[in-house]
Amino acid sequence: MAHIALLYAVVITFGLLLGKIRIFGVSLGVTFVLFSGILLGHFGFTGNAAIMNFMQDFGLILFVFCIGLQVGPSFFASLRKEGVEHNVVAVGIVLLNIAVALGLFFLLRHTRAAVSLPMLVGVLCGAVTNTPGLGAAQDALTQTFAGGETPQIALGYACAYPLGVLGIILGIILIRYFFRIKVSDESRRLQELAEADAHQKPHMMHLQVDNKALDGKTLLQIKEFLARDFVISRILHDGHVSIPNRDTVFRVGDQLFCVCADADAEAISAFIGPVIKVDWQKQDRPLVSRRVLITRPGVNGRTLGQMHFSSIYGVNVTRISRAGMYLFAHSHLRLQVGDRVIVVGPEDAVDRVAAYLGDAQKELDRPNILTMFVGILLGILLGSLPIAFPGMPTPLKLGLAGGPLIVALLISKFGYALHLVTYSTTSANLMMRETGLAIFLASVGIRAGADLAETLMHGGLNYVWIGFLITIIPILVMGAFARLHYKMNYLTLMGLIAGANTDPPALAYASQTAGNDAPAIGYSTVYPLTMFLRILTAQLLILLFA
C-alpha cells in the first residue's frame, strides 16, 4: 500500500508540474498526469492490478459525480432551451466516429495497415477516450469468443488514448482558429444571453396606481385579475410607507415598489399604472432590506408560497440570489440551502425571518458528505442495472461513469425530496473533482504505459494514426456545423465536444480556457446520452460484425 501511495503521489505531482508549462499559450493542465503515468508505467513502475482498478474507478466516480452535482440545475434549464441542438451535434459526433472507423476498416483491410474489427473497436474507444465503452466491448467479446482466446483490444485502446486526448483538445483549438474566435467576445455574448433570459431575472420598478378599476381592490384580487406573479414590497399611501399583504386595499394615486419577472414588467405596468420616481423616506416604521442566507436544512425544497412570509412575519421576499444569479421570487420557486433571499420589512420582523432561515455562514462551511455518498451509492446501483435488447447476448449498462453522473444531476435538482442538502462550496467541489480526475488519469496512464512500447513496435503505430483520424474528423465537421448552422457559443461548444467524447481532460482544458461554467454545462447536457450511445455502439459493433 505504501508503494501504491508513493507511485500515485509521484505520478500526479510530476504531471501537475508539467501541466504548468504553456506551449504557444496553451497548457494541458491536469492532462499531463496521464502522460506522466504512461512514462512511469513504461519503465516498470506499477502496482497491484486490483488496487489500481479500484483507484481508477473511484477517481472517475468522484469526478463525474461532482460535475453533475455542480451543473445539475443548469443542465435541466439547458434542456428546455438549446439541449436538443446540443444533443444533435453530440450524436452527430458519435455517428461520424463510427463511420470513420468503419470506413478505415474497409479501406485498409487489404493493406499492411489492416486492423481486425475487434481491435478497431478498442482503437475507437481509445480515440474517443471512453473507458466504459471499452469495458462493454470486452464483455461482448467474452460472449462472442466463449471458450476461445479473447482479442486484447485494450492494447488498441492504450495506443489511441493519448493522442485521442490531444486530438480532442487540438480539434477544439483548430475550431477556435478556423473561425477566428475570441474567448473574451464569446464570454461577453454568453453573459448577454443570460441577462436577456427574462423568465427568471427580476425587474424592479416604482409604479403609481392609475387604473380606476383597481380602486378599493385588495392585492390578492389584483394578482388574480392580472394572472401574473409579482411582489409589492412597499406602498406609499397618504404620505406613509408600509409593507402590504394580500389584504391590503389599493387606492388610485398609491405609489408602489414592485418586483416581478423581467418578461412581465411591461404588462404589469400597463395594468396598474405608469413608472414613476418615489421618495421612500417617510415611513411609519423603519423598513430595511436585507440579504438572509438559508442554512436551515428544514427549509430546503420548500416553495416561497409555502413559507407565508407576508402573512406570518409581515415581510416580503423580492429576489433570490443563487450561484451568483438573481431570480425573481415567484410563489412556486423552491428554496435551497445556500440561497440568499432579499427580505424587506420592519427590522424586528426581518430579524425573525433570518433566525428562522438560519443565516449562519459557518453552517455552510461543513461539507455534506452524506449527500455525496448516498448519491454515489445510488449511482453505482443505477449504473449496474442491465438494460436488455432483443438479439443481444450481453445487456447494456450505464457503468460507473454514467450511473453516478445521472444520479448527481437528479439529486442536484430534486434532492430536497430525499431531504438531501446538495449545497457545497465551489472550492470543496473543485477539490473533490480535481482529486478524482488526477487519480483516474494516473491509473489509466500507469496501466497503459506497461505494454505501450511493445505494442507500438508491433503495428501499434497504425492504431495511433487511425485513432487520431477517428478523433479529429468528426470534431471538425460537427464543430463547423454547430458554429455555422446553430451559431453555437464557442465556450459551450468546447464542453459539448468534450462531453461527446466523454473526455474529462478536454473538459478540464475547456473550463480553464473559458474561466466559467459554460463548458461544464455543455458537457453535462450531452454526456448522459453520449455515454449511453458509446456503450451501446461499442457492443453493437462487436456483436454485429465480429
Protein backbone atom coordinates (compact mmCIF):
# COMPACT_ATOMS: atom_id res chain seq x y z
CA MET A 1 0.00 0.00 0.00
CA ALA A 2 2.85 2.38 0.74
CA HIS A 3 4.28 1.62 -2.70
CA ILE A 4 0.94 2.36 -4.41
CA ALA A 5 0.50 5.61 -2.47
CA LEU A 6 4.04 6.70 -3.35
CA LEU A 7 3.56 5.78 -7.02
CA TYR A 8 0.38 7.85 -7.33
CA ALA A 9 1.94 10.76 -5.46
CA VAL A 10 4.94 10.82 -7.82
CA VAL A 11 2.84 10.46 -10.98
CA ILE A 12 0.34 13.15 -10.01
CA THR A 13 2.98 15.56 -8.69
CA PHE A 14 5.15 15.19 -11.79
CA GLY A 15 2.13 15.53 -14.10
CA LEU A 16 0.78 18.64 -12.38
CA LEU A 17 4.19 20.31 -12.52
CA LEU A 18 4.41 19.58 -16.26
CA GLY A 19 0.86 20.90 -16.62
CA LYS A 20 2.04 24.37 -15.66
CA ILE A 21 4.10 24.54 -18.87
CA ARG A 22 2.47 26.56 -21.65
CA ILE A 23 3.16 25.86 -25.31
CA PHE A 24 2.01 28.66 -27.65
CA GLY A 25 -0.03 29.95 -24.76
CA VAL A 26 -1.82 26.61 -24.28
CA SER A 27 -1.49 24.48 -21.17
CA LEU A 28 -2.93 20.96 -20.89
CA GLY A 29 -3.00 21.26 -17.11
CA VAL A 30 -4.02 18.09 -15.30
CA THR A 31 -3.95 16.14 -18.60
CA PHE A 32 -0.19 15.73 -18.17
CA VAL A 33 -0.90 13.38 -15.27
CA LEU A 34 -1.91 10.81 -17.91
CA PHE A 35 1.39 11.09 -19.77
CA SER A 36 3.34 11.11 -16.54
CA GLY A 37 1.66 7.80 -15.67
CA ILE A 38 2.45 6.35 -19.10
CA LEU A 39 6.12 7.29 -18.71
CA LEU A 40 6.48 5.66 -15.30
CA GLY A 41 4.41 2.66 -16.40
CA HIS A 42 6.74 2.16 -19.36
CA PHE A 43 9.72 1.91 -17.02
CA GLY A 44 8.00 -0.74 -14.93
CA PHE A 45 6.57 1.32 -12.09
CA THR A 46 3.23 -0.29 -11.42
CA GLY A 47 1.21 -1.85 -8.62
CA ASN A 48 -1.39 -4.42 -7.71
CA ALA A 49 -3.93 -4.65 -10.56
CA ALA A 50 -6.99 -4.91 -8.29
CA ILE A 51 -5.99 -1.85 -6.28
CA MET A 52 -5.30 0.16 -9.43
CA ASN A 53 -8.67 -0.85 -10.88
CA PHE A 54 -10.34 0.43 -7.74
CA MET A 55 -8.37 3.69 -7.83
CA GLN A 56 -9.29 4.27 -11.47
CA ASP A 57 -12.99 3.58 -10.98
CA PHE A 58 -13.29 5.55 -7.74
CA GLY A 59 -11.47 8.54 -9.24
CA LEU A 60 -13.81 8.51 -12.24
CA ILE A 61 -16.90 8.23 -10.00
CA LEU A 62 -15.76 11.13 -7.82
CA PHE A 63 -15.03 13.31 -10.84
CA VAL A 64 -18.30 12.82 -12.73
CA PHE A 65 -20.43 12.97 -9.57
CA CYS A 66 -19.00 16.35 -8.56
CA ILE A 67 -19.58 17.67 -12.09
CA GLY A 68 -23.19 16.52 -12.04
CA LEU A 69 -23.80 17.98 -8.60
CA GLN A 70 -22.50 21.38 -9.62
CA VAL A 71 -24.16 21.82 -13.01
CA GLY A 72 -27.40 19.91 -12.39
CA PRO A 73 -29.77 22.92 -12.15
CA SER A 74 -28.19 24.49 -15.24
CA PHE A 75 -28.39 21.14 -17.04
CA PHE A 76 -32.17 20.91 -16.66
CA ALA A 77 -32.57 24.55 -17.66
CA SER A 78 -30.47 23.97 -20.80
CA LEU A 79 -32.63 21.00 -21.81
CA ARG A 80 -35.56 23.38 -22.12
CA LYS A 81 -33.60 25.69 -24.38
CA GLU A 82 -30.70 24.57 -26.55
CA GLY A 83 -30.50 21.00 -25.25
CA VAL A 84 -31.95 19.45 -28.40
CA GLU A 85 -29.45 21.28 -30.62
CA HIS A 86 -26.57 20.29 -28.34
CA ASN A 87 -27.51 16.62 -28.40
CA VAL A 88 -27.97 16.67 -32.19
CA VAL A 89 -24.36 17.82 -32.54
CA ALA A 90 -23.15 15.25 -29.99
CA VAL A 91 -24.99 12.38 -31.68
CA GLY A 92 -23.51 13.55 -34.99
CA ILE A 93 -20.01 13.25 -33.50
CA VAL A 94 -20.76 9.73 -32.21
CA LEU A 95 -22.12 8.56 -35.58
CA LEU A 96 -19.24 10.13 -37.52
CA ASN A 97 -16.73 8.42 -35.18
CA ILE A 98 -18.26 5.07 -36.11
CA ALA A 99 -18.48 5.97 -39.81
CA VAL A 100 -14.81 6.99 -39.96
CA ALA A 101 -13.77 3.84 -38.07
CA LEU A 102 -15.72 1.51 -40.37
CA GLY A 103 -14.55 3.44 -43.44
CA LEU A 104 -10.91 2.98 -42.44
CA PHE A 105 -11.56 -0.69 -41.64
CA PHE A 106 -12.85 -1.46 -45.15
CA LEU A 107 -10.34 0.85 -46.83
CA LEU A 108 -7.31 -0.74 -45.14
CA ARG A 109 -8.39 -4.38 -44.91
CA HIS A 110 -6.23 -5.49 -47.88
CA THR A 111 -3.18 -3.44 -46.91
CA ARG A 112 -0.33 -3.89 -44.42
CA ALA A 113 -2.11 -1.43 -42.14
CA ALA A 114 -5.18 -3.69 -41.85
CA VAL A 115 -6.76 -3.83 -38.39
CA SER A 116 -9.10 -6.52 -37.11
CA LEU A 117 -12.57 -5.28 -36.24
CA PRO A 118 -12.33 -6.14 -32.52
CA MET A 119 -9.05 -4.25 -32.30
CA LEU A 120 -10.60 -1.37 -34.25
CA VAL A 121 -13.33 -1.14 -31.62
CA GLY A 122 -10.60 -0.85 -28.98
CA VAL A 123 -8.95 1.89 -31.04
CA LEU A 124 -12.31 3.63 -31.39
CA CYS A 125 -12.87 3.58 -27.63
CA GLY A 126 -9.38 4.98 -27.06
CA ALA A 127 -9.81 7.63 -29.74
CA VAL A 128 -12.94 8.93 -28.01
CA THR A 129 -11.43 8.28 -24.54
CA ASN A 130 -14.40 6.16 -23.48
CA THR A 131 -13.34 3.55 -20.92
CA PRO A 132 -16.88 2.24 -20.19
CA GLY A 133 -17.30 1.56 -23.90
CA LEU A 134 -14.10 -0.48 -23.83
CA GLY A 135 -15.42 -2.50 -20.91
CA ALA A 136 -18.73 -3.08 -22.68
CA ALA A 137 -16.93 -4.20 -25.84
CA GLN A 138 -14.70 -6.53 -23.82
CA ASP A 139 -17.80 -8.11 -22.22
CA ALA A 140 -19.33 -8.60 -25.67
CA LEU A 141 -16.10 -10.21 -26.90
CA THR A 142 -16.15 -12.62 -23.97
CA GLN A 143 -19.61 -13.72 -25.07
CA THR A 144 -18.65 -13.88 -28.77
CA PHE A 145 -15.41 -15.84 -28.23
CA ALA A 146 -16.74 -18.07 -25.46
CA GLY A 147 -14.23 -20.85 -24.86
CA GLY A 148 -11.61 -19.24 -27.12
CA GLU A 149 -8.89 -16.64 -26.83
CA THR A 150 -10.33 -13.15 -26.48
CA PRO A 151 -8.61 -10.40 -28.53
CA GLN A 152 -6.74 -7.93 -26.32
CA ILE A 153 -8.49 -4.83 -27.62
CA ALA A 154 -7.24 -2.86 -24.62
CA LEU A 155 -3.91 -2.52 -26.45
CA GLY A 156 -5.63 -0.66 -29.28
CA TYR A 157 -7.33 1.49 -26.66
CA ALA A 158 -3.99 2.25 -24.96
CA CYS A 159 -2.33 3.23 -28.24
CA ALA A 160 -5.14 5.53 -29.35
CA TYR A 161 -5.96 7.07 -25.97
CA PRO A 162 -3.03 9.52 -25.52
CA LEU A 163 -3.37 11.02 -28.98
CA GLY A 164 -7.14 10.84 -28.56
CA VAL A 165 -6.88 13.20 -25.59
CA LEU A 166 -4.61 15.53 -27.55
CA GLY A 167 -6.74 15.18 -30.69
CA ILE A 168 -9.90 16.31 -28.91
CA ILE A 169 -8.14 19.34 -27.46
CA LEU A 170 -6.46 20.02 -30.82
CA GLY A 171 -9.87 19.89 -32.53
CA ILE A 172 -11.21 22.43 -30.04
CA ILE A 173 -8.22 24.71 -30.70
CA LEU A 174 -8.48 24.35 -34.51
CA ILE A 175 -12.15 25.34 -34.46
CA ARG A 176 -11.17 28.41 -32.48
CA TYR A 177 -8.57 29.45 -35.06
CA PHE A 178 -10.57 28.46 -38.17
CA PHE A 179 -13.43 30.73 -37.10
CA ARG A 180 -11.14 33.40 -35.55
CA ILE A 181 -12.92 33.18 -32.22
CA LYS A 182 -12.02 35.42 -29.29
CA VAL A 183 -12.80 33.83 -25.94
CA SER A 184 -13.50 37.22 -24.36
CA ASP A 185 -16.12 38.01 -27.01
CA GLU A 186 -17.79 34.63 -26.56
CA SER A 187 -17.87 35.09 -22.80
CA ARG A 188 -19.45 38.52 -23.17
CA ARG A 189 -22.12 37.20 -25.57
CA LEU A 190 -22.89 34.37 -23.19
CA GLN A 191 -23.35 36.86 -20.36
CA GLU A 192 -25.63 38.98 -22.52
CA LEU A 193 -27.77 35.96 -23.34
CA ALA A 194 -28.01 35.05 -19.67
CA GLU A 195 -29.08 38.57 -18.81
CA ALA A 196 -31.64 38.50 -21.63
CA ASP A 197 -33.37 35.49 -20.09
CA ALA A 198 -36.42 37.35 -18.88
CA HIS A 199 -38.33 34.45 -17.36
CA GLN A 200 -36.36 34.32 -14.10
CA LYS A 201 -34.48 37.61 -14.00
CA PRO A 202 -36.08 40.03 -11.51
CA HIS A 203 -37.20 43.50 -12.59
CA MET A 204 -37.68 46.32 -10.07
CA MET A 205 -39.83 49.40 -10.74
CA HIS A 206 -41.81 52.14 -8.97
CA LEU A 207 -45.43 52.38 -10.07
CA GLN A 208 -48.36 54.68 -9.38
CA VAL A 209 -51.84 53.14 -9.27
CA ASP A 210 -53.61 54.83 -12.19
CA ASN A 211 -56.21 52.21 -13.15
CA LYS A 212 -59.55 53.26 -11.62
CA ALA A 213 -60.78 49.67 -11.81
CA LEU A 214 -58.25 48.81 -9.09
CA ASP A 215 -59.54 51.37 -6.60
CA GLY A 216 -60.72 49.54 -3.48
CA LYS A 217 -59.36 46.19 -4.60
CA THR A 218 -57.01 44.09 -2.48
CA LEU A 219 -53.56 42.95 -3.54
CA LEU A 220 -54.84 39.37 -3.82
CA GLN A 221 -57.67 40.46 -6.14
CA ILE A 222 -55.25 42.44 -8.33
CA LYS A 223 -52.98 39.40 -8.70
CA GLU A 224 -55.98 37.26 -9.67
CA PHE A 225 -57.12 39.85 -12.25
CA LEU A 226 -53.65 40.17 -13.77
CA ALA A 227 -52.82 36.42 -13.61
CA ARG A 228 -49.12 37.23 -13.30
CA ASP A 229 -46.76 36.77 -10.36
CA PHE A 230 -45.27 39.88 -8.74
CA VAL A 231 -44.28 41.20 -5.31
CA ILE A 232 -45.16 44.62 -3.86
CA SER A 233 -42.54 45.25 -1.18
CA ARG A 234 -43.61 48.81 -0.21
CA ILE A 235 -46.66 51.01 -0.66
CA LEU A 236 -46.82 54.81 -0.18
CA HIS A 237 -50.37 55.84 0.85
CA ASP A 238 -51.33 59.25 2.18
CA GLY A 239 -47.67 60.13 2.70
CA HIS A 240 -46.87 57.00 4.72
CA VAL A 241 -44.91 53.89 3.75
CA SER A 242 -45.94 50.40 4.82
CA ILE A 243 -45.48 46.75 3.92
CA PRO A 244 -48.52 45.45 2.01
CA ASN A 245 -50.02 41.99 2.39
CA ARG A 246 -52.66 40.10 0.44
CA ASP A 247 -55.49 42.02 2.17
CA THR A 248 -54.04 45.50 1.62
CA VAL A 249 -56.56 47.75 -0.19
CA PHE A 250 -55.21 49.81 -3.08
CA ARG A 251 -56.35 53.31 -3.97
CA VAL A 252 -55.80 55.40 -7.08
CA GLY A 253 -52.69 57.50 -6.51
CA ASP A 254 -50.91 54.95 -4.30
CA GLN A 255 -47.24 54.53 -5.11
CA LEU A 256 -45.69 51.06 -5.15
CA PHE A 257 -42.31 49.37 -5.26
CA CYS A 258 -42.88 46.33 -7.49
CA VAL A 259 -40.60 43.36 -8.25
CA CYS A 260 -41.53 40.90 -10.99
CA ALA A 261 -40.06 38.76 -13.73
CA ASP A 262 -38.48 40.89 -16.44
CA ALA A 263 -40.82 39.42 -19.06
CA ASP A 264 -43.91 40.54 -17.09
CA ALA A 265 -42.81 44.10 -16.30
CA GLU A 266 -44.46 45.79 -19.28
CA ALA A 267 -47.80 44.04 -18.80
CA ILE A 268 -47.89 44.79 -15.06
CA SER A 269 -47.10 48.47 -15.62
CA ALA A 270 -49.77 48.74 -18.30
CA PHE A 271 -52.35 47.22 -15.94
CA ILE A 272 -51.51 49.09 -12.72
CA GLY A 273 -50.09 52.43 -13.83
CA PRO A 274 -47.03 54.31 -15.08
CA VAL A 275 -43.47 54.02 -13.86
CA ILE A 276 -42.52 56.94 -11.60
CA LYS A 277 -39.90 58.11 -9.12
CA VAL A 278 -40.78 57.68 -5.43
CA ASP A 279 -39.31 59.11 -2.22
CA TRP A 280 -39.45 56.35 0.42
CA GLN A 281 -38.13 58.48 3.28
CA LYS A 282 -41.46 58.98 5.12
CA GLN A 283 -42.10 55.72 6.95
CA ASP A 284 -44.41 54.81 9.84
CA ARG A 285 -41.85 52.19 10.91
CA PRO A 286 -38.23 51.89 9.82
CA LEU A 287 -38.06 49.41 6.92
CA VAL A 288 -34.91 47.55 6.00
CA SER A 289 -33.86 45.42 3.05
CA ARG A 290 -31.51 42.57 3.98
CA ARG A 291 -29.94 39.51 2.40
CA VAL A 292 -30.64 36.44 4.50
CA LEU A 293 -28.67 33.24 3.95
CA ILE A 294 -30.63 29.98 4.04
CA THR A 295 -28.72 27.46 6.16
CA ARG A 296 -31.56 25.62 7.88
CA PRO A 297 -31.98 22.15 6.28
CA GLY A 298 -35.72 22.09 7.03
CA VAL A 299 -36.28 24.93 4.55
CA ASN A 300 -34.56 23.06 1.72
CA GLY A 301 -37.01 22.31 -1.11
CA ARG A 302 -39.95 24.34 0.21
CA THR A 303 -41.59 26.87 -2.10
CA LEU A 304 -41.92 30.55 -1.27
CA GLY A 305 -45.68 30.16 -1.31
CA GLN A 306 -45.45 27.57 1.47
CA MET A 307 -43.42 29.92 3.68
CA HIS A 308 -46.14 32.62 4.05
CA PHE A 309 -43.58 35.32 4.84
CA SER A 310 -46.05 38.17 4.31
CA SER A 311 -48.90 36.87 6.46
CA ILE A 312 -46.81 35.37 9.28
CA TYR A 313 -43.89 37.80 9.56
CA GLY A 314 -45.17 40.92 7.82
CA VAL A 315 -42.26 40.98 5.35
CA ASN A 316 -41.89 40.45 1.62
CA VAL A 317 -39.26 38.45 -0.26
CA THR A 318 -38.47 40.12 -3.58
CA ARG A 319 -35.48 38.30 -5.04
CA ILE A 320 -33.34 35.20 -4.62
CA SER A 321 -29.58 35.16 -5.17
CA ARG A 322 -28.41 31.70 -6.27
CA ALA A 323 -24.99 30.76 -7.67
CA GLY A 324 -24.25 34.41 -8.47
CA MET A 325 -27.55 35.00 -10.29
CA TYR A 326 -30.68 36.85 -9.13
CA LEU A 327 -34.03 35.08 -9.56
CA PHE A 328 -37.48 36.61 -9.21
CA ALA A 329 -39.13 35.34 -6.03
CA HIS A 330 -42.29 33.84 -7.51
CA SER A 331 -44.51 31.74 -5.27
CA HIS A 332 -43.56 28.40 -6.88
CA LEU A 333 -39.79 28.89 -6.61
CA ARG A 334 -38.21 26.21 -4.41
CA LEU A 335 -35.69 27.43 -1.87
CA GLN A 336 -32.34 25.70 -1.47
CA VAL A 337 -29.71 25.75 1.25
CA GLY A 338 -27.14 28.32 0.15
CA ASP A 339 -29.70 30.71 -1.37
CA ARG A 340 -29.67 34.34 -0.27
CA VAL A 341 -33.17 35.84 -0.06
CA ILE A 342 -33.78 39.59 -0.21
CA VAL A 343 -36.20 40.33 2.65
CA VAL A 344 -37.94 43.71 3.01
CA GLY A 345 -39.84 44.73 6.15
CA PRO A 346 -39.57 46.13 9.67
CA GLU A 347 -36.19 45.39 11.20
CA ASP A 348 -37.52 43.20 14.02
CA ALA A 349 -39.59 41.13 11.56
CA VAL A 350 -36.60 40.69 9.24
CA ASP A 351 -34.57 39.51 12.24
CA ARG A 352 -37.20 36.85 13.00
CA VAL A 353 -37.12 35.65 9.39
CA ALA A 354 -33.32 35.48 9.50
CA ALA A 355 -33.44 33.41 12.68
CA TYR A 356 -35.93 31.02 11.07
CA LEU A 357 -33.92 30.59 7.83
CA GLY A 358 -30.65 30.11 9.70
CA ASP A 359 -28.45 32.90 8.30
CA ALA A 360 -25.32 31.19 9.69
CA GLN A 361 -22.42 31.16 7.24
CA LYS A 362 -20.41 28.70 9.32
CA GLU A 363 -23.09 26.03 8.76
CA LEU A 364 -22.32 26.07 5.04
CA ASP A 365 -18.61 25.56 5.65
CA ARG A 366 -19.33 21.98 6.72
CA PRO A 367 -19.32 19.61 3.71
CA ASN A 368 -22.40 17.45 3.16
CA ILE A 369 -20.61 14.11 2.94
CA LEU A 370 -23.87 12.19 3.37
CA THR A 371 -25.27 13.59 0.12
CA MET A 372 -22.15 12.63 -1.81
CA PHE A 373 -22.03 9.01 -0.66
CA VAL A 374 -25.79 8.48 -0.92
CA GLY A 375 -25.51 9.78 -4.48
CA ILE A 376 -22.54 7.54 -5.27
CA LEU A 377 -24.40 4.53 -3.83
CA LEU A 378 -27.48 5.21 -5.96
CA GLY A 379 -25.29 5.98 -8.98
CA ILE A 380 -23.44 2.68 -8.78
CA LEU A 381 -26.73 0.80 -8.42
CA LEU A 382 -28.17 2.61 -11.45
CA GLY A 383 -25.01 2.02 -13.49
CA SER A 384 -25.12 -1.69 -12.65
CA LEU A 385 -28.66 -2.24 -13.90
CA PRO A 386 -28.66 -4.35 -17.09
CA ILE A 387 -30.66 -2.97 -20.00
CA ALA A 388 -31.56 -5.90 -22.27
CA PHE A 389 -32.14 -5.52 -26.02
CA PRO A 390 -33.61 -8.27 -28.22
CA GLY A 391 -30.95 -10.26 -30.08
CA MET A 392 -28.05 -9.04 -27.93
CA PRO A 393 -26.44 -11.65 -25.66
CA THR A 394 -24.98 -9.05 -23.30
CA PRO A 395 -27.20 -6.45 -21.61
CA LEU A 396 -26.11 -2.81 -21.72
CA LYS A 397 -25.11 -0.93 -18.58
CA LEU A 398 -24.56 2.76 -17.88
CA GLY A 399 -21.47 1.81 -15.88
CA LEU A 400 -19.54 3.57 -13.16
CA ALA A 401 -19.44 6.84 -15.07
CA GLY A 402 -22.95 7.16 -16.48
CA GLY A 403 -24.82 6.00 -13.35
CA PRO A 404 -23.26 8.40 -10.81
CA LEU A 405 -23.48 11.31 -13.26
CA ILE A 406 -27.19 10.86 -13.90
CA VAL A 407 -27.90 10.45 -10.17
CA ALA A 408 -25.86 13.58 -9.37
CA LEU A 409 -27.85 15.58 -11.93
CA LEU A 410 -31.12 14.37 -10.43
CA ILE A 411 -30.04 14.93 -6.81
CA SER A 412 -28.87 18.47 -7.55
CA LYS A 413 -32.35 19.28 -8.85
CA PHE A 414 -34.64 17.08 -6.73
CA GLY A 415 -32.50 16.19 -3.69
CA TYR A 416 -34.90 18.04 -1.40
CA ALA A 417 -37.43 15.21 -1.92
CA LEU A 418 -34.97 12.89 -0.15
CA HIS A 419 -34.15 15.57 2.45
CA LEU A 420 -30.62 15.84 1.00
CA VAL A 421 -28.73 19.13 1.15
CA THR A 422 -26.84 19.44 -2.14
CA TYR A 423 -25.10 22.73 -1.40
CA SER A 424 -21.31 22.71 -1.31
CA THR A 425 -18.80 25.49 -1.62
CA THR A 426 -17.15 25.92 -5.00
CA SER A 427 -13.73 25.22 -3.50
CA ALA A 428 -14.91 21.95 -1.92
CA ASN A 429 -16.46 20.78 -5.17
CA LEU A 430 -13.36 21.65 -7.18
CA MET A 431 -11.11 19.93 -4.64
CA MET A 432 -13.00 16.64 -4.88
CA ARG A 433 -13.40 16.92 -8.65
CA GLU A 434 -9.75 17.58 -9.39
CA THR A 435 -8.61 14.88 -6.95
CA GLY A 436 -10.84 12.31 -8.65
CA LEU A 437 -9.66 13.35 -12.11
CA ALA A 438 -5.97 13.18 -11.15
CA ILE A 439 -6.38 9.68 -9.65
CA PHE A 440 -8.27 8.47 -12.72
CA LEU A 441 -5.70 9.81 -15.20
CA ALA A 442 -2.79 8.44 -13.18
CA SER A 443 -4.40 4.98 -13.13
CA VAL A 444 -5.06 4.91 -16.88
CA GLY A 445 -1.56 6.15 -17.64
CA ILE A 446 0.28 3.66 -15.42
CA ARG A 447 -1.70 0.71 -16.79
CA ALA A 448 -1.35 1.78 -20.44
CA GLY A 449 2.38 2.51 -20.15
CA ALA A 450 3.32 -1.06 -19.22
CA ASP A 451 2.57 -2.55 -22.67
CA LEU A 452 2.55 0.56 -24.80
CA ALA A 453 6.12 0.37 -26.12
CA GLU A 454 5.83 -3.27 -27.24
CA THR A 455 2.50 -2.61 -28.92
CA LEU A 456 3.85 0.42 -30.78
CA MET A 457 6.75 -1.66 -32.16
CA HIS A 458 4.41 -4.38 -33.47
CA GLY A 459 1.90 -2.43 -35.53
CA GLY A 460 0.76 -0.14 -32.77
CA LEU A 461 1.70 2.97 -34.72
CA ASN A 462 -1.15 2.17 -37.11
CA TYR A 463 -3.52 2.26 -34.17
CA VAL A 464 -2.21 5.72 -33.29
CA TRP A 465 -2.86 7.44 -36.63
CA ILE A 466 -6.11 5.56 -37.25
CA GLY A 467 -7.32 6.62 -33.82
CA PHE A 468 -6.29 10.21 -34.49
CA LEU A 469 -8.39 10.34 -37.68
CA ILE A 470 -11.34 8.83 -35.83
CA THR A 471 -10.95 11.59 -33.23
CA ILE A 472 -10.30 14.70 -35.28
CA ILE A 473 -12.53 14.39 -38.37
CA PRO A 474 -15.92 14.25 -36.59
CA ILE A 475 -14.94 17.10 -34.25
CA LEU A 476 -14.02 19.43 -37.11
CA VAL A 477 -17.10 18.52 -39.18
CA MET A 478 -19.67 18.80 -36.40
CA GLY A 479 -17.87 21.75 -34.79
CA ALA A 480 -18.17 23.68 -38.06
CA PHE A 481 -21.81 22.59 -38.35
CA ALA A 482 -22.56 23.82 -34.83
CA ARG A 483 -20.97 27.22 -35.47
CA LEU A 484 -22.40 27.78 -38.97
CA HIS A 485 -25.87 26.29 -38.57
CA TYR A 486 -26.71 26.71 -34.88
CA LYS A 487 -24.45 29.75 -34.24
CA MET A 488 -23.39 27.94 -31.06
CA ASN A 489 -21.31 29.79 -28.49
CA TYR A 490 -17.71 28.55 -28.54
CA LEU A 491 -17.45 28.19 -24.76
CA THR A 492 -20.46 25.86 -24.73
CA LEU A 493 -19.20 24.07 -27.85
CA MET A 494 -15.90 23.24 -26.13
CA GLY A 495 -17.74 21.47 -23.33
CA LEU A 496 -20.09 19.80 -25.80
CA ILE A 497 -17.17 18.33 -27.76
CA ALA A 498 -15.56 17.11 -24.54
CA GLY A 499 -18.87 15.56 -23.46
CA ALA A 500 -19.49 13.96 -26.85
CA ASN A 501 -16.12 12.26 -26.46
CA THR A 502 -16.68 11.61 -22.72
CA ASP A 503 -13.28 13.19 -22.14
CA PRO A 504 -12.59 14.76 -18.69
CA PRO A 505 -9.15 16.17 -19.69
CA ALA A 506 -10.73 18.06 -22.59
CA LEU A 507 -13.34 19.44 -20.17
CA ALA A 508 -10.55 20.49 -17.81
CA TYR A 509 -8.84 22.33 -20.68
CA ALA A 510 -12.13 23.90 -21.82
CA SER A 511 -13.03 25.07 -18.31
CA GLN A 512 -9.56 26.52 -17.82
CA THR A 513 -9.81 28.38 -21.15
CA ALA A 514 -13.34 29.68 -20.57
CA GLY A 515 -12.97 30.66 -16.93
CA ASN A 516 -16.65 29.91 -16.24
CA ASP A 517 -19.14 27.02 -16.07
CA ALA A 518 -20.31 27.19 -19.70
CA PRO A 519 -18.15 24.21 -20.83
CA ALA A 520 -19.30 22.13 -17.85
CA ILE A 521 -22.93 22.85 -18.70
CA GLY A 522 -22.36 21.87 -22.34
CA TYR A 523 -20.51 18.74 -21.18
CA SER A 524 -23.24 17.59 -18.81
CA THR A 525 -26.02 18.38 -21.31
CA VAL A 526 -24.77 15.79 -23.80
CA TYR A 527 -22.84 13.42 -21.54
CA PRO A 528 -25.71 11.13 -20.42
CA LEU A 529 -26.97 10.43 -23.96
CA THR A 530 -23.45 10.22 -25.35
CA MET A 531 -22.31 7.76 -22.68
CA PHE A 532 -25.30 5.54 -23.41
CA LEU A 533 -24.59 5.65 -27.16
CA ARG A 534 -20.86 4.97 -26.69
CA ILE A 535 -21.60 1.89 -24.59
CA LEU A 536 -24.36 0.71 -26.95
CA THR A 537 -22.44 1.17 -30.18
CA ALA A 538 -19.23 -0.42 -28.84
CA GLN A 539 -21.17 -3.59 -28.03
CA LEU A 540 -23.18 -3.48 -31.26
CA LEU A 541 -20.03 -3.27 -33.40
CA ILE A 542 -18.67 -6.39 -31.72
CA LEU A 543 -21.93 -8.32 -31.76
CA LEU A 544 -22.86 -7.41 -35.34
CA PHE A 545 -19.51 -7.51 -37.15
CA ALA A 546 -17.01 -9.56 -35.14
